[in-house]
Amino acid sequence: MVIEIFKQILGEKKVAVIEFLASNAYEDGTIKYKITEICSELNVSKPTVIETLKLLEQKGVIKKIKTGVYKLTLEPQKLQNPQMLG
């Protein structure tokens, strides 16, 4: 149900990008995928991936380390409790 709400707000493709990043992060929160790799894996456009990454950066969810490397910056308890995100 919660995912369906996010899909209505953000759109299915952005939610797919977020799910992909979260499920492909290493234990330390590092995500190592280039934009083109994410596009290819999910069959989404480059602008969609870029917009999603920018949104996550603006909201403090991820931090860009270098090209193709991001790091989740949310504390683990915030990831488990969506009420703490707002």
PDB file of N, CA and C in Angstrom:
ATOM      1  N   MET A   1       0.815  -1.200   0.000  1.00  0.00           N
ATOM      2  CA  MET A   1       0.000   0.000   0.000  1.00  0.00           C
ATOM      3  C   MET A   1       0.863   1.271   0.000  1.00  0.00           C
ATOM      4  N   VAL A   2       1.897   1.282   0.832  1.00  0.00           N
ATOM      5  CA  VAL A   2       2.755   2.460   0.919  1.00  0.00           C
ATOM      6  C   VAL A   2       3.453   2.711  -0.418  1.00  0.00           C
ATOM      7  N   ILE A   3       3.933   1.653  -1.042  1.00  0.00           N
ATOM      8  CA  ILE A   3       4.607   1.794  -2.343  1.00  0.00           C
ATOM      9  C   ILE A   3       3.652   2.378  -3.371  1.00  0.00           C
ATOM     10  N   GLU A   4       2.400   1.960  -3.334  1.00  0.00           N
ATOM     11  CA  GLU A   4       1.404   2.492  -4.278  1.00  0.00           C
ATOM     12  C   GLU A   4       1.200   3.998  -4.074  1.00  0.00           C
ATOM     13  N   ILE A   5       1.246   4.440  -2.838  1.00  0.00           N
ATOM     14  CA  ILE A   5       1.122   5.874  -2.551  1.00  0.00           C
ATOM     15  C   ILE A   5       2.322   6.622  -3.134  1.00  0.00           C
ATOM     16  N   PHE A   6       3.528   6.076  -2.919  1.00  0.00           N
ATOM     17  CA  PHE A   6       4.729   6.705  -3.470  1.00  0.00           C
ATOM     18  C   PHE A   6       4.683   6.736  -4.989  1.00  0.00           C
ATOM     19  N   LYS A   7       4.167   5.680  -5.603  1.00  0.00           N
ATOM     20  CA  LYS A   7       4.045   5.643  -7.066  1.00  0.00           C
ATOM     21  C   LYS A   7       3.102   6.733  -7.556  1.00  0.00           C
ATOM     22  N   GLN A   8       2.036   6.980  -6.809  1.00  0.00           N
ATOM     23  CA  GLN A   8       1.101   8.037  -7.190  1.00  0.00           C
ATOM     24  C   GLN A   8       1.747   9.422  -7.074  1.00  0.00           C
ATOM     25  N   ILE A   9       2.607   9.597  -6.080  1.00  0.00           N
ATOM     26  CA  ILE A   9       3.243  10.893  -5.850  1.00  0.00           C
ATOM     27  C   ILE A   9       4.417  11.117  -6.799  1.00  0.00           C
ATOM     28  N   LEU A  10       5.300  10.136  -6.886  1.00  0.00           N
ATOM     29  CA  LEU A  10       6.541  10.294  -7.646  1.00  0.00           C
ATOM     30  C   LEU A  10       6.487   9.744  -9.063  1.00  0.00           C
ATOM     31  N   GLY A  11       5.634   8.773  -9.279  1.00  0.00           N
ATOM     32  CA  GLY A  11       5.590   8.064 -10.552  1.00  0.00           C
ATOM     33  C   GLY A  11       6.264   6.711 -10.421  1.00  0.00           C
ATOM     34  N   GLU A  12       5.783   5.752 -11.179  1.00  0.00           N
ATOM     35  CA  GLU A  12       6.282   4.376 -11.076  1.00  0.00           C
ATOM     36  C   GLU A  12       7.768   4.253 -11.387  1.00  0.00           C
ATOM     37  N   LYS A  13       8.235   4.991 -12.377  1.00  0.00           N
ATOM     38  CA  LYS A  13       9.639   4.854 -12.788  1.00  0.00           C
ATOM     39  C   LYS A  13      10.601   5.387 -11.735  1.00  0.00           C
ATOM     40  N   LYS A  14      10.263   6.507 -11.113  1.00  0.00           N
ATOM     41  CA  LYS A  14      11.129   7.038 -10.051  1.00  0.00           C
ATOM     42  C   LYS A  14      11.147   6.099  -8.850  1.00  0.00           C
ATOM     43  N   VAL A  15      10.006   5.536  -8.524  1.00  0.00           N
ATOM     44  CA  VAL A  15       9.949   4.573  -7.420  1.00  0.00           C
ATOM     45  C   VAL A  15      10.788   3.346  -7.771  1.00  0.00           C
ATOM     46  N   ALA A  16      10.751   2.918  -9.019  1.00  0.00           N
ATOM     47  CA  ALA A  16      11.562   1.777  -9.455  1.00  0.00           C
ATOM     48  C   ALA A  16      13.052   2.091  -9.300  1.00  0.00           C
ATOM     49  N   VAL A  17      13.454   3.311  -9.628  1.00  0.00           N
ATOM     50  CA  VAL A  17      14.849   3.712  -9.472  1.00  0.00           C
ATOM     51  C   VAL A  17      15.238   3.683  -7.994  1.00  0.00           C
ATOM     52  N   ILE A  18      14.385   4.221  -7.141  1.00  0.00           N
ATOM     53  CA  ILE A  18      14.658   4.243  -5.701  1.00  0.00           C
ATOM     54  C   ILE A  18      14.763   2.826  -5.153  1.00  0.00           C
ATOM     55  N   GLU A  19      13.837   1.960  -5.543  1.00  0.00           N
ATOM     56  CA  GLU A  19      13.882   0.563  -5.091  1.00  0.00           C
ATOM     57  C   GLU A  19      15.164  -0.124  -5.568  1.00  0.00           C
ATOM     58  N   PHE A  20      15.548   0.149  -6.805  1.00  0.00           N
ATOM     59  CA  PHE A  20      16.761  -0.439  -7.371  1.00  0.00           C
ATOM     60  C   PHE A  20      17.993  -0.003  -6.577  1.00  0.00           C
ATOM     61  N   LEU A  21      18.093   1.296  -6.309  1.00  0.00           N
ATOM     62  CA  LEU A  21      19.241   1.814  -5.564  1.00  0.00           C
ATOM     63  C   LEU A  21      19.293   1.218  -4.160  1.00  0.00           C
ATOM     64  N   ALA A  22      18.147   1.188  -3.490  1.00  0.00           N
ATOM     65  CA  ALA A  22      18.108   0.663  -2.119  1.00  0.00           C
ATOM     66  C   ALA A  22      18.456  -0.814  -2.071  1.00  0.00           C
ATOM     67  N   SER A  23      17.984  -1.577  -3.033  1.00  0.00           N
ATOM     68  CA  SER A  23      18.230  -3.017  -2.997  1.00  0.00           C
ATOM     69  C   SER A  23      19.606  -3.401  -3.534  1.00  0.00           C
ATOM     70  N   ASN A  24      20.308  -2.463  -4.173  1.00  0.00           N
ATOM     71  CA  ASN A  24      21.634  -2.750  -4.696  1.00  0.00           C
ATOM     72  C   ASN A  24      22.750  -2.031  -3.930  1.00  0.00           C
ATOM     73  N   ALA A  25      22.411  -1.480  -2.783  1.00  0.00           N
ATOM     74  CA  ALA A  25      23.420  -0.816  -1.956  1.00  0.00           C
ATOM     75  C   ALA A  25      24.210  -1.864  -1.170  1.00  0.00           C
ATOM     76  N   TYR A  26      25.481  -1.601  -1.020  1.00  0.00           N
ATOM     77  CA  TYR A  26      26.324  -2.458  -0.187  1.00  0.00           C
ATOM     78  C   TYR A  26      25.957  -2.231   1.279  1.00  0.00           C
ATOM     79  N   GLU A  27      26.474  -3.076   2.163  1.00  0.00           N
ATOM     80  CA  GLU A  27      26.160  -2.969   3.591  1.00  0.00           C
ATOM     81  C   GLU A  27      26.517  -1.604   4.172  1.00  0.00           C
ATOM     82  N   ASP A  28      27.563  -0.974   3.647  1.00  0.00           N
ATOM     83  CA  ASP A  28      27.968   0.343   4.157  1.00  0.00           C
ATOM     84  C   ASP A  28      27.168   1.486   3.528  1.00  0.00           C
ATOM     85  N   GLY A  29      26.176   1.140   2.696  1.00  0.00           N
ATOM     86  CA  GLY A  29      25.329   2.150   2.070  1.00  0.00           C
ATOM     87  C   GLY A  29      25.820   2.639   0.723  1.00  0.00           C
ATOM     88  N   THR A  30      26.955   2.133   0.264  1.00  0.00           N
ATOM     89  CA  THR A  30      27.507   2.558  -1.016  1.00  0.00           C
ATOM     90  C   THR A  30      26.720   1.938  -2.175  1.00  0.00           C
ATOM     91  N   ILE A  31      26.468   2.755  -3.181  1.00  0.00           N
ATOM     92  CA  ILE A  31      25.778   2.317  -4.397  1.00  0.00           C
ATOM     93  C   ILE A  31      26.718   2.615  -5.555  1.00  0.00           C
ATOM     94  N   LYS A  32      27.061   1.600  -6.330  1.00  0.00           N
ATOM     95  CA  LYS A  32      28.017   1.786  -7.428  1.00  0.00           C
ATOM     96  C   LYS A  32      27.359   1.450  -8.763  1.00  0.00           C
ATOM     97  N   TYR A  33      26.671   2.410  -9.316  1.00  0.00           N
ATOM     98  CA  TYR A  33      26.042   2.269 -10.627  1.00  0.00           C
ATOM     99  C   TYR A  33      26.101   3.596 -11.347  1.00  0.00           C
ATOM    100  N   LYS A  34      26.482   3.573 -12.597  1.00  0.00           N
ATOM    101  CA  LYS A  34      26.435   4.766 -13.431  1.00  0.00           C
ATOM    102  C   LYS A  34      24.997   4.966 -13.893  1.00  0.00           C
ATOM    103  N   ILE A  35      24.677   6.180 -14.250  1.00  0.00           N
ATOM    104  CA  ILE A  35      23.324   6.514 -14.695  1.00  0.00           C
ATOM    105  C   ILE A  35      22.915   5.622 -15.868  1.00  0.00           C
ATOM    106  N   THR A  36      23.819   5.432 -16.805  1.00  0.00           N
ATOM    107  CA  THR A  36      23.490   4.613 -17.981  1.00  0.00           C
ATOM    108  C   THR A  36      23.220   3.154 -17.601  1.00  0.00           C
ATOM    109  N   GLU A  37      23.907   2.672 -16.579  1.00  0.00           N
ATOM    110  CA  GLU A  37      23.673   1.294 -16.120  1.00  0.00           C
ATOM    111  C   GLU A  37      22.286   1.155 -15.488  1.00  0.00           C
ATOM    112  N   ILE A  38      21.889   2.168 -14.719  1.00  0.00           N
ATOM    113  CA  ILE A  38      20.555   2.149 -14.102  1.00  0.00           C
ATOM    114  C   ILE A  38      19.490   2.205 -15.196  1.00  0.00           C
ATOM    115  N   CYS A  39      19.705   3.070 -16.184  1.00  0.00           N
ATOM    116  CA  CYS A  39      18.762   3.171 -17.313  1.00  0.00           C
ATOM    117  C   CYS A  39      18.603   1.820 -17.997  1.00  0.00           C
ATOM    118  N   SER A  40      19.703   1.167 -18.240  1.00  0.00           N
ATOM    119  CA  SER A  40      19.696  -0.119 -18.930  1.00  0.00           C
ATOM    120  C   SER A  40      19.012  -1.202 -18.092  1.00  0.00           C
ATOM    121  N   GLU A  41      19.338  -1.259 -16.812  1.00  0.00           N
ATOM    122  CA  GLU A  41      18.762  -2.270 -15.912  1.00  0.00           C
ATOM    123  C   GLU A  41      17.241  -2.137 -15.799  1.00  0.00           C
ATOM    124  N   LEU A  42      16.762  -0.888 -15.753  1.00  0.00           N
ATOM    125  CA  LEU A  42      15.339  -0.642 -15.490  1.00  0.00           C
ATOM    126  C   LEU A  42      14.536  -0.228 -16.725  1.00  0.00           C
ATOM    127  N   ASN A  43      15.242  -0.026 -17.842  1.00  0.00           N
ATOM    128  CA  ASN A  43      14.580   0.452 -19.047  1.00  0.00           C
ATOM    129  C   ASN A  43      13.829   1.772 -18.799  1.00  0.00           C
ATOM    130  N   VAL A  44      14.541   2.710 -18.175  1.00  0.00           N
ATOM    131  CA  VAL A  44      13.993   4.045 -17.932  1.00  0.00           C
ATOM    132  C   VAL A  44      14.917   5.065 -18.589  1.00  0.00           C
ATOM    133  N   SER A  45      14.410   6.271 -18.773  1.00  0.00           N
ATOM    134  CA  SER A  45      15.186   7.304 -19.458  1.00  0.00           C
ATOM    135  C   SER A  45      16.244   7.920 -18.543  1.00  0.00           C
ATOM    136  N   LYS A  46      17.247   8.471 -19.173  1.00  0.00           N
ATOM    137  CA  LYS A  46      18.318   9.144 -18.444  1.00  0.00           C
ATOM    138  C   LYS A  46      17.782  10.320 -17.614  1.00  0.00           C
ATOM    139  N   PRO A  47      16.885  11.161 -18.182  1.00  0.00           N
ATOM    140  CA  PRO A  47      16.330  12.250 -17.368  1.00  0.00           C
ATOM    141  C   PRO A  47      15.600  11.754 -16.116  1.00  0.00           C
ATOM    142  N   THR A  48      14.911  10.626 -16.214  1.00  0.00           N
ATOM    143  CA  THR A  48      14.210  10.074 -15.047  1.00  0.00           C
ATOM    144  C   THR A  48      15.201   9.702 -13.956  1.00  0.00           C
ATOM    145  N   VAL A  49      16.280   9.045 -14.326  1.00  0.00           N
ATOM    146  CA  VAL A  49      17.295   8.643 -13.343  1.00  0.00           C
ATOM    147  C   VAL A  49      17.956   9.874 -12.741  1.00  0.00           C
ATOM    148  N   ILE A  50      18.318  10.839 -13.575  1.00  0.00           N
ATOM    149  CA  ILE A  50      18.965  12.061 -13.091  1.00  0.00           C
ATOM    150  C   ILE A  50      18.049  12.812 -12.138  1.00  0.00           C
ATOM    151  N   GLU A  51      16.781  12.974 -12.503  1.00  0.00           N
ATOM    152  CA  GLU A  51      15.815  13.666 -11.635  1.00  0.00           C
ATOM    153  C   GLU A  51      15.663  12.952 -10.298  1.00  0.00           C
ATOM    154  N   THR A  52      15.621  11.636 -10.335  1.00  0.00           N
ATOM    155  CA  THR A  52      15.458  10.857  -9.113  1.00  0.00           C
ATOM    156  C   THR A  52      16.683  10.998  -8.217  1.00  0.00           C
ATOM    157  N   LEU A  53      17.874  10.905  -8.799  1.00  0.00           N
ATOM    158  CA  LEU A  53      19.103  11.069  -8.016  1.00  0.00           C
ATOM    159  C   LEU A  53      19.188  12.471  -7.414  1.00  0.00           C
ATOM    160  N   LYS A  54      18.837  13.486  -8.185  1.00  0.00           N
ATOM    161  CA  LYS A  54      18.856  14.862  -7.675  1.00  0.00           C
ATOM    162  C   LYS A  54      17.870  15.032  -6.527  1.00  0.00           C
ATOM    163  N   LEU A  55      16.678  14.459  -6.672  1.00  0.00           N
ATOM    164  CA  LEU A  55      15.671  14.526  -5.619  1.00  0.00           C
ATOM    165  C   LEU A  55      16.190  13.875  -4.339  1.00  0.00           C
ATOM    166  N   LEU A  56      16.779  12.693  -4.475  1.00  0.00           N
ATOM    167  CA  LEU A  56      17.310  11.985  -3.307  1.00  0.00           C
ATOM    168  C   LEU A  56      18.466  12.752  -2.665  1.00  0.00           C
ATOM    169  N   GLU A  57      19.275  13.412  -3.478  1.00  0.00           N
ATOM    170  CA  GLU A  57      20.355  14.239  -2.936  1.00  0.00           C
ATOM    171  C   GLU A  57      19.794  15.448  -2.191  1.00  0.00           C
ATOM    172  N   GLN A  58      18.811  16.120  -2.796  1.00  0.00           N
ATOM    173  CA  GLN A  58      18.200  17.292  -2.172  1.00  0.00           C
ATOM    174  C   GLN A  58      17.542  16.952  -0.838  1.00  0.00           C
ATOM    175  N   LYS A  59      16.973  15.771  -0.748  1.00  0.00           N
ATOM    176  CA  LYS A  59      16.279  15.344   0.465  1.00  0.00           C
ATOM    177  C   LYS A  59      17.223  14.716   1.487  1.00  0.00           C
ATOM    178  N   GLY A  60      18.504  14.611   1.141  1.00  0.00           N
ATOM    179  CA  GLY A  60      19.480  14.075   2.070  1.00  0.00           C
ATOM    180  C   GLY A  60      19.461  12.568   2.217  1.00  0.00           C
ATOM    181  N   VAL A  61      18.926  11.892   1.211  1.00  0.00           N
ATOM    182  CA  VAL A  61      18.843  10.429   1.257  1.00  0.00           C
ATOM    183  C   VAL A  61      20.138   9.798   0.752  1.00  0.00           C
ATOM    184  N   ILE A  62      20.720  10.412  -0.277  1.00  0.00           N
ATOM    185  CA  ILE A  62      21.992   9.929  -0.811  1.00  0.00           C
ATOM    186  C   ILE A  62      22.952  11.103  -0.966  1.00  0.00           C
ATOM    187  N   LYS A  63      24.226  10.762  -1.071  1.00  0.00           N
ATOM    188  CA  LYS A  63      25.258  11.757  -1.336  1.00  0.00           C
ATOM    189  C   LYS A  63      26.110  11.229  -2.480  1.00  0.00           C
ATOM    190  N   LYS A  64      26.377  12.091  -3.455  1.00  0.00           N
ATOM    191  CA  LYS A  64      27.228  11.689  -4.575  1.00  0.00           C
ATOM    192  C   LYS A  64      28.678  11.736  -4.117  1.00  0.00           C
ATOM    193  N   ILE A  65      29.366  10.610  -4.249  1.00  0.00           N
ATOM    194  CA  ILE A  65      30.773  10.523  -3.885  1.00  0.00           C
ATOM    195  C   ILE A  65      31.631  10.883  -5.095  1.00  0.00           C
ATOM    196  N   LYS A  66      31.337  10.257  -6.225  1.00  0.00           N
ATOM    197  CA  LYS A  66      31.971  10.551  -7.508  1.00  0.00           C
ATOM    198  C   LYS A  66      31.079   9.942  -8.582  1.00  0.00           C
ATOM    199  N   THR A  67      31.433  10.104  -9.846  1.00  0.00           N
ATOM    200  CA  THR A  67      30.618   9.573 -10.933  1.00  0.00           C
ATOM    201  C   THR A  67      30.390   8.070 -10.738  1.00  0.00           C
ATOM    202  N   GLY A  68      29.138   7.700 -10.676  1.00  0.00           N
ATOM    203  CA  GLY A  68      28.784   6.291 -10.541  1.00  0.00           C
ATOM    204  C   GLY A  68      28.853   5.745  -9.133  1.00  0.00           C
ATOM    205  N   VAL A  69      29.150   6.601  -8.156  1.00  0.00           N
ATOM    206  CA  VAL A  69      29.216   6.144  -6.760  1.00  0.00           C
ATOM    207  C   VAL A  69      28.423   7.100  -5.872  1.00  0.00           C
ATOM    208  N   TYR A  70      27.445   6.530  -5.187  1.00  0.00           N
ATOM    209  CA  TYR A  70      26.613   7.282  -4.249  1.00  0.00           C
ATOM    210  C   TYR A  70      26.650   6.575  -2.910  1.00  0.00           C
ATOM    211  N   LYS A  71      26.219   7.260  -1.870  1.00  0.00           N
ATOM    212  CA  LYS A  71      26.161   6.652  -0.547  1.00  0.00           C
ATOM    213  C   LYS A  71      24.843   7.029   0.106  1.00  0.00           C
ATOM    214  N   LEU A  72      24.145   6.020   0.636  1.00  0.00           N
ATOM    215  CA  LEU A  72      22.939   6.283   1.408  1.00  0.00           C
ATOM    216  C   LEU A  72      23.340   7.033   2.662  1.00  0.00           C
ATOM    217  N   THR A  73      22.632   8.105   2.971  1.00  0.00           N
ATOM    218  CA  THR A  73      23.007   8.923   4.120  1.00  0.00           C
ATOM    219  C   THR A  73      21.965   8.894   5.228  1.00  0.00           C
ATOM    220  N   LEU A  74      20.880   8.187   5.016  1.00  0.00           N
ATOM    221  CA  LEU A  74      19.876   8.063   6.068  1.00  0.00           C
ATOM    222  C   LEU A  74      20.352   7.089   7.125  1.00  0.00           C
ATOM    223  N   GLU A  75      19.998   7.365   8.355  1.00  0.00           N
ATOM    224  CA  GLU A  75      20.314   6.433   9.428  1.00  0.00           C
ATOM    225  C   GLU A  75      19.429   5.206   9.284  1.00  0.00           C
ATOM    226  N   PRO A  76      19.928   4.019   9.624  1.00  0.00           N
ATOM    227  CA  PRO A  76      19.151   2.784   9.451  1.00  0.00           C
ATOM    228  C   PRO A  76      17.762   2.832  10.082  1.00  0.00           C
ATOM    229  N   GLN A  77      17.610   3.442  11.269  1.00  0.00           N
ATOM    230  CA  GLN A  77      16.286   3.464  11.897  1.00  0.00           C
ATOM    231  C   GLN A  77      15.301   4.317  11.106  1.00  0.00           C
ATOM    232  N   LYS A  78      15.795   5.336  10.397  1.00  0.00           N
ATOM    233  CA  LYS A  78      14.907   6.159   9.576  1.00  0.00           C
ATOM    234  C   LYS A  78      14.441   5.388   8.352  1.00  0.00           C
ATOM    235  N   LEU A  79      15.285   4.501   7.828  1.00  0.00           N
ATOM    236  CA  LEU A  79      14.892   3.684   6.691  1.00  0.00           C
ATOM    237  C   LEU A  79      13.807   2.684   7.087  1.00  0.00           C
ATOM    238  N   GLN A  80      13.835   2.232   8.315  1.00  0.00           N
ATOM    239  CA  GLN A  80      12.867   1.243   8.779  1.00  0.00           C
ATOM    240  C   GLN A  80      11.567   1.893   9.235  1.00  0.00           C
ATOM    241  N   ASN A  81      11.597   3.172   9.609  1.00  0.00           N
ATOM    242  CA  ASN A  81      10.416   3.849  10.110  1.00  0.00           C
ATOM    243  C   ASN A  81      10.111   5.063   9.237  1.00  0.00           C
ATOM    244  N   PRO A  82       9.262   4.889   8.206  1.00  0.00           N
ATOM    245  CA  PRO A  82       8.971   5.980   7.262  1.00  0.00           C
ATOM    246  C   PRO A  82       8.400   7.238   7.923  1.00  0.00           C
ATOM    247  N   GLN A  83       7.781   7.121   9.094  1.00  0.00           N
ATOM    248  CA  GLN A  83       7.221   8.298   9.766  1.00  0.00           C
ATOM    249  C   GLN A  83       8.300   9.290  10.165  1.00  0.00           C
ATOM    250  N   MET A  84       9.529   8.801  10.331  1.00  0.00           N
ATOM    251  CA  MET A  84      10.621   9.665  10.744  1.00  0.00           C
ATOM    252  C   MET A  84      11.212  10.445   9.576  1.00  0.00           C
ATOM    253  N   LEU A  85      10.810  10.128   8.355  1.00  0.00           N
ATOM    254  CA  LEU A  85      11.364  10.799   7.178  1.00  0.00           C
ATOM    255  C   LEU A  85      10.841  12.212   7.006  1.00  0.00           C
ATOM    256  N   GLY A  86       9.644  12.466   7.424  1.00  0.00           N
ATOM    257  CA  GLY A  86       9.032  13.764   7.201  1.00  0.00           C
ATOM    258  C   GLY A  86       9.445  14.734   8.204  1.00  0.00           C
TER     259      GLY A  86
END
